[in-house]
């Protein structure tokens, strides 16, 4: 009778061991699927954000309406920008510099948002402007688009 009980026990142990192994495999498989799905979703969101940023950067287009000295001698420069693109853009800074010397005047713009077909005017004051014949005016947006022109003072 001991031989028969041992055989039953061995058969039952094999079934229990198989069930435990199957459960462990199912749990590990489920964990892998959940992890990969979460990773895929986060990468998809990041890729969507990057693509949208590039598309908006392509559609962002602004022009100089006017760039002129406000007085004589030139103590301030007025920069008028117009958004002719399809998306709203945000001007982050205007830099005025002289190529021959080390002169640079950088003005950070806090409220430089321009909607499509709208304009903004920015006045930049510096008495040193009158010391230079030709100055470069460089405008940069938050998406790192840059336009440039020159002004004769």
N, C-alpha and C. Protein backbone atom coordinates (compact mmCIF):
# COMPACT_ATOMS: atom_id res chain seq x y z
N UNK A 1 0.80 -1.18 0.00
CA UNK A 1 0.00 0.00 0.00
C UNK A 1 0.86 1.27 0.00
N UNK A 2 2.00 1.18 0.54
CA UNK A 2 2.90 2.33 0.54
C UNK A 2 3.34 2.68 -0.87
N UNK A 3 3.47 1.69 -1.70
CA UNK A 3 3.89 1.95 -3.07
C UNK A 3 2.79 2.70 -3.82
N UNK A 4 1.55 2.31 -3.60
CA UNK A 4 0.44 3.00 -4.26
C UNK A 4 0.29 4.44 -3.79
N UNK A 5 0.48 4.71 -2.54
CA UNK A 5 0.38 6.08 -2.01
C UNK A 5 1.51 6.96 -2.54
N UNK A 6 2.67 6.40 -2.67
CA UNK A 6 3.80 7.17 -3.19
C UNK A 6 3.57 7.57 -4.63
N UNK A 7 2.97 6.62 -5.40
CA UNK A 7 2.69 6.93 -6.78
C UNK A 7 1.65 8.04 -6.90
N UNK A 8 0.63 7.99 -6.07
CA UNK A 8 -0.38 9.04 -6.10
C UNK A 8 0.23 10.39 -5.70
N UNK A 9 1.05 10.36 -4.73
CA UNK A 9 1.68 11.60 -4.26
C UNK A 9 2.58 12.18 -5.35
N UNK A 10 3.32 11.32 -6.02
CA UNK A 10 4.18 11.80 -7.09
C UNK A 10 3.35 12.40 -8.22
N UNK A 11 2.28 11.79 -8.58
CA UNK A 11 1.40 12.30 -9.62
C UNK A 11 0.79 13.62 -9.23
N UNK A 12 0.40 13.76 -7.99
CA UNK A 12 -0.17 15.01 -7.50
C UNK A 12 0.88 16.10 -7.44
N UNK A 13 2.10 15.76 -7.05
CA UNK A 13 3.19 16.73 -6.98
C UNK A 13 3.51 17.27 -8.36
N UNK A 14 3.47 16.44 -9.37
CA UNK A 14 3.73 16.87 -10.73
C UNK A 14 2.66 17.86 -11.20
N UNK A 15 1.43 17.61 -10.89
CA UNK A 15 0.34 18.50 -11.27
C UNK A 15 0.47 19.84 -10.55
N UNK A 16 0.75 19.81 -9.25
CA UNK A 16 0.89 21.05 -8.47
C UNK A 16 2.10 21.85 -8.97
N UNK A 17 3.20 21.18 -9.22
CA UNK A 17 4.40 21.86 -9.72
C UNK A 17 4.12 22.49 -11.09
N UNK A 18 3.45 21.77 -11.95
CA UNK A 18 3.10 22.30 -13.27
C UNK A 18 2.18 23.51 -13.14
N UNK A 19 1.21 23.45 -12.25
CA UNK A 19 0.30 24.58 -12.05
C UNK A 19 1.05 25.80 -11.53
N UNK A 20 1.97 25.59 -10.59
CA UNK A 20 2.76 26.71 -10.06
C UNK A 20 3.62 27.31 -11.17
N UNK A 21 4.25 26.47 -11.98
CA UNK A 21 5.08 26.98 -13.07
C UNK A 21 4.25 27.73 -14.11
N UNK A 22 3.09 27.22 -14.45
CA UNK A 22 2.21 27.89 -15.41
C UNK A 22 1.75 29.24 -14.87
N UNK A 23 1.43 29.30 -13.58
CA UNK A 23 1.03 30.56 -12.96
C UNK A 23 2.17 31.58 -13.02
N UNK A 24 3.38 31.12 -12.70
CA UNK A 24 4.55 32.01 -12.73
C UNK A 24 4.80 32.52 -14.14
N UNK A 25 4.69 31.65 -15.14
CA UNK A 25 4.89 32.06 -16.53
C UNK A 25 3.82 33.06 -16.95
N UNK A 26 2.57 32.82 -16.56
CA UNK A 26 1.49 33.75 -16.90
C UNK A 26 1.72 35.12 -16.26
N UNK A 27 2.13 35.13 -15.00
CA UNK A 27 2.39 36.41 -14.30
C UNK A 27 3.54 37.14 -14.97
N UNK A 28 4.63 36.46 -15.28
CA UNK A 28 5.77 37.11 -15.94
C UNK A 28 5.39 37.60 -17.34
N UNK A 29 4.62 36.81 -18.07
CA UNK A 29 4.18 37.24 -19.39
C UNK A 29 3.29 38.46 -19.33
N UNK A 30 2.36 38.47 -18.40
CA UNK A 30 1.47 39.62 -18.23
C UNK A 30 2.25 40.87 -17.84
N UNK A 31 3.22 40.70 -16.94
CA UNK A 31 4.06 41.83 -16.54
C UNK A 31 4.83 42.38 -17.73
N UNK A 32 5.37 41.51 -18.55
CA UNK A 32 6.09 41.95 -19.76
C UNK A 32 5.20 42.69 -20.73
N UNK A 33 3.99 42.21 -20.93
CA UNK A 33 3.06 42.87 -21.85
C UNK A 33 2.66 44.24 -21.32
N UNK A 34 2.36 44.34 -20.02
CA UNK A 34 1.97 45.63 -19.43
C UNK A 34 3.14 46.61 -19.51
N UNK A 35 4.35 46.16 -19.20
CA UNK A 35 5.52 47.04 -19.25
C UNK A 35 5.74 47.54 -20.68
N UNK A 36 5.69 46.64 -21.66
CA UNK A 36 5.94 47.06 -23.04
C UNK A 36 4.86 48.01 -23.54
N UNK A 37 3.62 47.79 -23.14
CA UNK A 37 2.52 48.68 -23.55
C UNK A 37 2.71 50.08 -22.96
N UNK A 38 3.11 50.14 -21.69
CA UNK A 38 3.35 51.43 -21.03
C UNK A 38 4.52 52.14 -21.71
N UNK A 39 5.58 51.41 -22.00
CA UNK A 39 6.74 51.99 -22.65
C UNK A 39 6.38 52.49 -24.05
N UNK A 40 5.60 51.71 -24.78
CA UNK A 40 5.18 52.11 -26.12
C UNK A 40 4.32 53.36 -26.09
N UNK A 41 3.39 53.45 -25.12
CA UNK A 41 2.53 54.63 -25.01
C UNK A 41 3.34 55.88 -24.71
N UNK A 42 4.32 55.78 -23.81
CA UNK A 42 5.12 56.97 -23.47
C UNK A 42 5.97 57.39 -24.67
N UNK A 43 6.53 56.43 -25.42
CA UNK A 43 7.30 56.77 -26.61
C UNK A 43 6.42 57.37 -27.69
N UNK A 44 5.19 56.89 -27.79
CA UNK A 44 4.26 57.43 -28.79
C UNK A 44 3.90 58.87 -28.45
N UNK A 45 3.68 59.17 -27.18
CA UNK A 45 3.37 60.55 -26.77
C UNK A 45 4.56 61.47 -27.04
N UNK A 46 5.76 61.00 -26.75
CA UNK A 46 6.95 61.80 -26.99
C UNK A 46 7.15 62.05 -28.48
N UNK A 47 6.93 61.02 -29.30
CA UNK A 47 7.08 61.17 -30.74
C UNK A 47 6.02 62.12 -31.31
N UNK A 48 4.79 62.02 -30.83
CA UNK A 48 3.72 62.91 -31.28
C UNK A 48 4.06 64.35 -30.95
N UNK A 49 4.56 64.58 -29.74
CA UNK A 49 4.95 65.93 -29.34
C UNK A 49 6.07 66.47 -30.22
N UNK A 50 7.06 65.64 -30.52
CA UNK A 50 8.18 66.06 -31.37
C UNK A 50 7.71 66.38 -32.78
N UNK A 51 6.86 65.54 -33.34
CA UNK A 51 6.36 65.76 -34.70
C UNK A 51 5.53 67.05 -34.75
N UNK A 52 4.67 67.26 -33.76
CA UNK A 52 3.86 68.48 -33.72
C UNK A 52 4.74 69.72 -33.62
N UNK A 53 5.82 69.62 -32.83
CA UNK A 53 6.72 70.76 -32.69
C UNK A 53 7.41 71.06 -34.02
N UNK A 54 7.86 70.03 -34.74
CA UNK A 54 8.50 70.25 -36.03
C UNK A 54 7.51 70.81 -37.06
N UNK A 55 6.30 70.30 -37.07
CA UNK A 55 5.29 70.80 -38.01
C UNK A 55 4.98 72.26 -37.71
N UNK A 56 4.81 72.60 -36.43
CA UNK A 56 4.55 74.00 -36.07
C UNK A 56 5.74 74.88 -36.39
N UNK A 57 6.93 74.34 -36.25
CA UNK A 57 8.12 75.13 -36.58
C UNK A 57 8.17 75.43 -38.08
N UNK A 58 7.76 74.45 -38.88
CA UNK A 58 7.73 74.67 -40.33
C UNK A 58 6.66 75.70 -40.70
N UNK A 59 5.52 75.65 -40.02
CA UNK A 59 4.42 76.57 -40.32
C UNK A 59 4.61 77.96 -39.71
N UNK A 60 5.60 78.11 -38.86
CA UNK A 60 5.87 79.40 -38.22
C UNK A 60 6.63 80.29 -39.20
N UNK A 61 6.08 81.46 -39.51
CA UNK A 61 6.71 82.34 -40.48
C UNK A 61 6.38 83.78 -40.14
N UNK A 62 7.42 84.57 -39.89
CA UNK A 62 7.22 85.98 -39.58
C UNK A 62 8.11 86.83 -40.47
N UNK A 63 7.72 88.10 -40.62
CA UNK A 63 8.48 89.04 -41.44
C UNK A 63 8.62 90.35 -40.68
N UNK A 64 9.64 91.11 -41.07
CA UNK A 64 9.80 92.46 -40.54
C UNK A 64 8.89 93.38 -41.33
N UNK A 65 8.00 94.07 -40.66
CA UNK A 65 7.20 95.11 -41.32
C UNK A 65 8.04 96.38 -41.40
N UNK A 66 8.57 96.79 -40.26
CA UNK A 66 9.40 97.99 -40.18
C UNK A 66 10.51 97.76 -39.18
N UNK A 67 11.67 98.32 -39.47
CA UNK A 67 12.77 98.41 -38.51
C UNK A 67 13.37 99.79 -38.74
N UNK A 68 13.23 100.66 -37.76
CA UNK A 68 13.70 102.02 -37.97
C UNK A 68 14.14 102.65 -36.66
N UNK A 69 14.97 103.71 -36.80
CA UNK A 69 15.38 104.50 -35.63
C UNK A 69 14.25 105.46 -35.30
N UNK A 70 13.98 105.57 -34.02
CA UNK A 70 12.87 106.40 -33.56
C UNK A 70 13.25 107.87 -33.47
N UNK A 71 14.55 108.14 -33.40
CA UNK A 71 14.98 109.54 -33.24
C UNK A 71 16.30 109.75 -33.96
N UNK A 72 16.73 111.02 -34.01
CA UNK A 72 18.02 111.34 -34.61
C UNK A 72 18.78 112.20 -33.62
N UNK A 73 19.86 111.79 -33.06
CA UNK A 73 20.60 110.56 -33.30
C UNK A 73 19.83 109.34 -32.78
N UNK A 74 20.17 108.20 -33.30
CA UNK A 74 19.42 106.96 -33.03
C UNK A 74 19.67 106.46 -31.60
N UNK A 75 18.70 106.73 -30.73
CA UNK A 75 18.77 106.24 -29.35
C UNK A 75 17.86 105.04 -29.12
N UNK A 76 16.92 104.83 -30.01
CA UNK A 76 16.02 103.67 -29.88
C UNK A 76 15.65 103.16 -31.27
N UNK A 77 15.49 101.84 -31.34
CA UNK A 77 15.11 101.19 -32.59
C UNK A 77 13.74 100.55 -32.39
N UNK A 78 12.85 100.78 -33.34
CA UNK A 78 11.52 100.20 -33.31
C UNK A 78 11.50 99.02 -34.29
N UNK A 79 11.10 97.86 -33.78
CA UNK A 79 11.01 96.66 -34.60
C UNK A 79 9.54 96.24 -34.64
N UNK A 80 8.96 96.19 -35.85
CA UNK A 80 7.58 95.76 -36.03
C UNK A 80 7.60 94.44 -36.77
N UNK A 81 7.07 93.39 -36.13
CA UNK A 81 7.05 92.04 -36.70
C UNK A 81 5.62 91.62 -37.00
N UNK A 82 5.44 90.93 -38.12
CA UNK A 82 4.12 90.42 -38.50
C UNK A 82 4.21 88.91 -38.70
N UNK A 83 3.25 88.21 -38.15
CA UNK A 83 3.16 86.76 -38.32
C UNK A 83 2.34 86.47 -39.57
N UNK A 84 2.99 85.94 -40.61
CA UNK A 84 2.28 85.60 -41.84
C UNK A 84 2.11 84.09 -41.98
N UNK A 85 2.44 83.35 -40.91
CA UNK A 85 2.30 81.90 -40.92
C UNK A 85 0.93 81.46 -40.46
N UNK A 86 0.75 80.14 -40.39
CA UNK A 86 -0.55 79.57 -40.03
C UNK A 86 -0.72 79.36 -38.52
N UNK A 87 0.37 79.38 -37.77
CA UNK A 87 0.30 79.10 -36.34
C UNK A 87 0.74 80.32 -35.54
N UNK A 88 0.26 80.39 -34.32
CA UNK A 88 0.70 81.45 -33.41
C UNK A 88 2.16 81.23 -33.07
N UNK A 89 2.94 82.30 -33.10
CA UNK A 89 4.35 82.17 -32.73
C UNK A 89 4.65 83.05 -31.53
N UNK A 90 5.76 82.77 -30.88
CA UNK A 90 6.13 83.48 -29.67
C UNK A 90 7.57 83.98 -29.81
N UNK A 91 7.75 85.28 -29.93
CA UNK A 91 9.08 85.87 -30.04
C UNK A 91 9.72 85.85 -28.65
N UNK A 92 10.92 85.27 -28.57
CA UNK A 92 11.57 85.16 -27.27
C UNK A 92 12.64 86.22 -27.05
N UNK A 93 13.34 86.63 -28.12
CA UNK A 93 14.36 87.67 -27.94
C UNK A 93 14.65 88.38 -29.24
N UNK A 94 15.10 89.61 -29.08
CA UNK A 94 15.57 90.41 -30.22
C UNK A 94 16.99 90.84 -29.88
N UNK A 95 17.89 90.55 -30.80
CA UNK A 95 19.30 90.87 -30.58
C UNK A 95 19.72 91.87 -31.65
N UNK A 96 20.37 92.94 -31.22
CA UNK A 96 20.91 93.94 -32.14
C UNK A 96 22.41 93.98 -31.92
N UNK A 97 23.17 93.76 -33.01
CA UNK A 97 24.62 93.75 -32.85
C UNK A 97 25.33 94.35 -34.05
N UNK A 98 26.59 94.66 -33.83
CA UNK A 98 27.46 95.18 -34.88
C UNK A 98 28.49 94.12 -35.21
N UNK A 99 28.63 93.77 -36.48
CA UNK A 99 29.56 92.70 -36.88
C UNK A 99 31.02 93.09 -36.67
N UNK A 100 31.34 94.37 -36.85
CA UNK A 100 32.73 94.80 -36.78
C UNK A 100 33.24 94.91 -35.35
N UNK A 101 32.37 95.29 -34.44
CA UNK A 101 32.80 95.42 -33.04
C UNK A 101 32.13 94.32 -32.22
N UNK A 102 32.33 94.38 -30.95
CA UNK A 102 31.75 93.38 -30.04
C UNK A 102 30.41 93.84 -29.47
N UNK A 103 29.83 94.90 -30.02
CA UNK A 103 28.59 95.44 -29.49
C UNK A 103 27.42 94.48 -29.74
N UNK A 104 26.69 94.17 -28.66
CA UNK A 104 25.48 93.36 -28.75
C UNK A 104 24.49 93.85 -27.71
N UNK A 105 23.27 94.05 -28.14
CA UNK A 105 22.18 94.42 -27.23
C UNK A 105 21.10 93.35 -27.39
N UNK A 106 20.89 92.55 -26.34
CA UNK A 106 19.90 91.48 -26.37
C UNK A 106 18.73 91.88 -25.49
N UNK A 107 17.54 91.81 -26.05
CA UNK A 107 16.32 92.14 -25.31
C UNK A 107 15.43 90.90 -25.26
N UNK A 108 15.16 90.41 -24.06
CA UNK A 108 14.25 89.29 -23.89
C UNK A 108 12.82 89.81 -23.97
N UNK A 109 11.98 89.09 -24.69
CA UNK A 109 10.59 89.50 -24.88
C UNK A 109 9.71 88.56 -24.06
N UNK A 110 8.97 89.12 -23.10
CA UNK A 110 8.12 88.28 -22.25
C UNK A 110 6.73 88.08 -22.83
N UNK A 111 6.22 89.08 -23.54
CA UNK A 111 4.88 88.96 -24.13
C UNK A 111 4.97 89.14 -25.64
N UNK A 112 5.68 88.19 -26.28
CA UNK A 112 5.92 88.31 -27.71
C UNK A 112 5.06 87.40 -28.55
N UNK A 113 3.94 86.99 -28.03
CA UNK A 113 3.07 86.08 -28.78
C UNK A 113 2.36 86.84 -29.90
N UNK A 114 2.46 86.29 -31.13
CA UNK A 114 1.83 86.92 -32.30
C UNK A 114 0.91 85.88 -32.94
N UNK A 115 -0.37 86.19 -33.00
CA UNK A 115 -1.31 85.30 -33.69
C UNK A 115 -1.17 85.48 -35.19
N UNK A 116 -1.73 84.56 -35.93
CA UNK A 116 -1.63 84.60 -37.39
C UNK A 116 -2.22 85.90 -37.94
N UNK A 117 -1.50 86.52 -38.86
CA UNK A 117 -1.87 87.79 -39.51
C UNK A 117 -1.95 88.97 -38.53
N UNK A 118 -1.24 88.91 -37.43
CA UNK A 118 -1.17 90.01 -36.46
C UNK A 118 0.27 90.49 -36.35
N UNK A 119 0.45 91.66 -35.73
CA UNK A 119 1.78 92.26 -35.59
C UNK A 119 2.03 92.69 -34.15
N UNK A 120 3.32 92.82 -33.82
CA UNK A 120 3.71 93.44 -32.56
C UNK A 120 4.80 94.46 -32.86
N UNK A 121 4.89 95.43 -31.98
CA UNK A 121 5.92 96.45 -32.10
C UNK A 121 6.75 96.44 -30.82
N UNK A 122 8.07 96.42 -30.97
CA UNK A 122 8.98 96.40 -29.82
C UNK A 122 9.95 97.57 -29.98
N UNK A 123 10.06 98.37 -28.92
CA UNK A 123 11.00 99.49 -28.91
C UNK A 123 12.19 99.09 -28.05
N UNK A 124 13.38 99.21 -28.62
CA UNK A 124 14.61 98.85 -27.91
C UNK A 124 15.44 100.12 -27.77
N UNK A 125 15.72 100.50 -26.54
CA UNK A 125 16.45 101.74 -26.26
C UNK A 125 17.90 101.43 -25.90
N UNK A 126 18.81 102.21 -26.50
CA UNK A 126 20.22 102.16 -26.14
C UNK A 126 20.90 103.34 -26.81
N UNK A 127 21.49 104.24 -26.04
CA UNK A 127 22.16 105.41 -26.64
C UNK A 127 23.35 105.03 -27.52
N UNK A 128 23.87 103.81 -27.37
CA UNK A 128 25.04 103.38 -28.16
C UNK A 128 24.69 103.11 -29.62
N UNK A 129 23.41 103.00 -29.96
CA UNK A 129 23.02 102.73 -31.35
C UNK A 129 23.57 103.78 -32.31
N UNK A 130 23.63 105.03 -31.87
CA UNK A 130 24.07 106.11 -32.76
C UNK A 130 25.56 106.02 -33.08
N UNK A 131 26.30 105.20 -32.37
CA UNK A 131 27.74 105.06 -32.60
C UNK A 131 28.07 104.14 -33.76
N UNK A 132 27.09 103.46 -34.30
CA UNK A 132 27.34 102.46 -35.35
C UNK A 132 26.57 102.83 -36.61
N UNK A 133 27.19 102.54 -37.77
CA UNK A 133 26.55 102.86 -39.05
C UNK A 133 25.50 101.82 -39.43
N UNK A 134 25.87 100.54 -39.32
CA UNK A 134 24.98 99.45 -39.71
C UNK A 134 24.89 98.44 -38.56
N UNK A 135 23.67 98.11 -38.21
CA UNK A 135 23.44 97.13 -37.14
C UNK A 135 22.60 95.98 -37.69
N UNK A 136 22.89 94.78 -37.19
CA UNK A 136 22.08 93.60 -37.52
C UNK A 136 20.99 93.45 -36.48
N UNK A 137 19.78 93.15 -36.94
CA UNK A 137 18.65 92.89 -36.05
C UNK A 137 18.26 91.43 -36.25
N UNK A 138 18.34 90.65 -35.16
CA UNK A 138 18.08 89.22 -35.21
C UNK A 138 16.93 88.92 -34.25
N UNK A 139 15.89 88.28 -34.76
CA UNK A 139 14.72 87.94 -33.95
C UNK A 139 14.65 86.42 -33.84
N UNK A 140 14.44 85.94 -32.60
CA UNK A 140 14.39 84.50 -32.35
C UNK A 140 13.07 84.15 -31.68
N UNK A 141 12.47 83.02 -32.10
CA UNK A 141 11.22 82.56 -31.49
C UNK A 141 11.52 81.45 -30.48
N UNK A 142 10.49 81.06 -29.73
CA UNK A 142 10.68 80.00 -28.75
C UNK A 142 10.95 78.65 -29.42
N UNK A 143 10.57 78.50 -30.68
CA UNK A 143 10.86 77.26 -31.42
C UNK A 143 12.20 77.36 -32.15
N UNK A 144 13.00 78.36 -31.83
CA UNK A 144 14.35 78.58 -32.37
C UNK A 144 14.38 78.93 -33.84
N UNK A 145 13.29 79.47 -34.37
CA UNK A 145 13.34 80.05 -35.72
C UNK A 145 13.96 81.43 -35.61
N UNK A 146 14.75 81.79 -36.60
CA UNK A 146 15.46 83.07 -36.57
C UNK A 146 15.25 83.81 -37.89
N UNK A 147 14.96 85.12 -37.79
CA UNK A 147 14.99 85.98 -38.98
C UNK A 147 15.93 87.12 -38.69
N UNK A 148 16.52 87.65 -39.74
CA UNK A 148 17.54 88.67 -39.56
C UNK A 148 17.42 89.73 -40.65
N UNK A 149 17.73 90.96 -40.27
CA UNK A 149 17.81 92.08 -41.22
C UNK A 149 18.87 93.05 -40.72
N UNK A 150 19.15 94.06 -41.51
CA UNK A 150 20.10 95.09 -41.11
C UNK A 150 19.41 96.45 -41.11
N UNK A 151 19.95 97.35 -40.31
CA UNK A 151 19.42 98.72 -40.25
C UNK A 151 20.58 99.68 -40.31
N UNK A 152 20.40 100.73 -41.05
CA UNK A 152 21.40 101.79 -41.12
C UNK A 152 20.97 102.89 -40.16
N UNK A 153 21.85 103.20 -39.21
CA UNK A 153 21.49 104.20 -38.20
C UNK A 153 21.82 105.53 -38.69
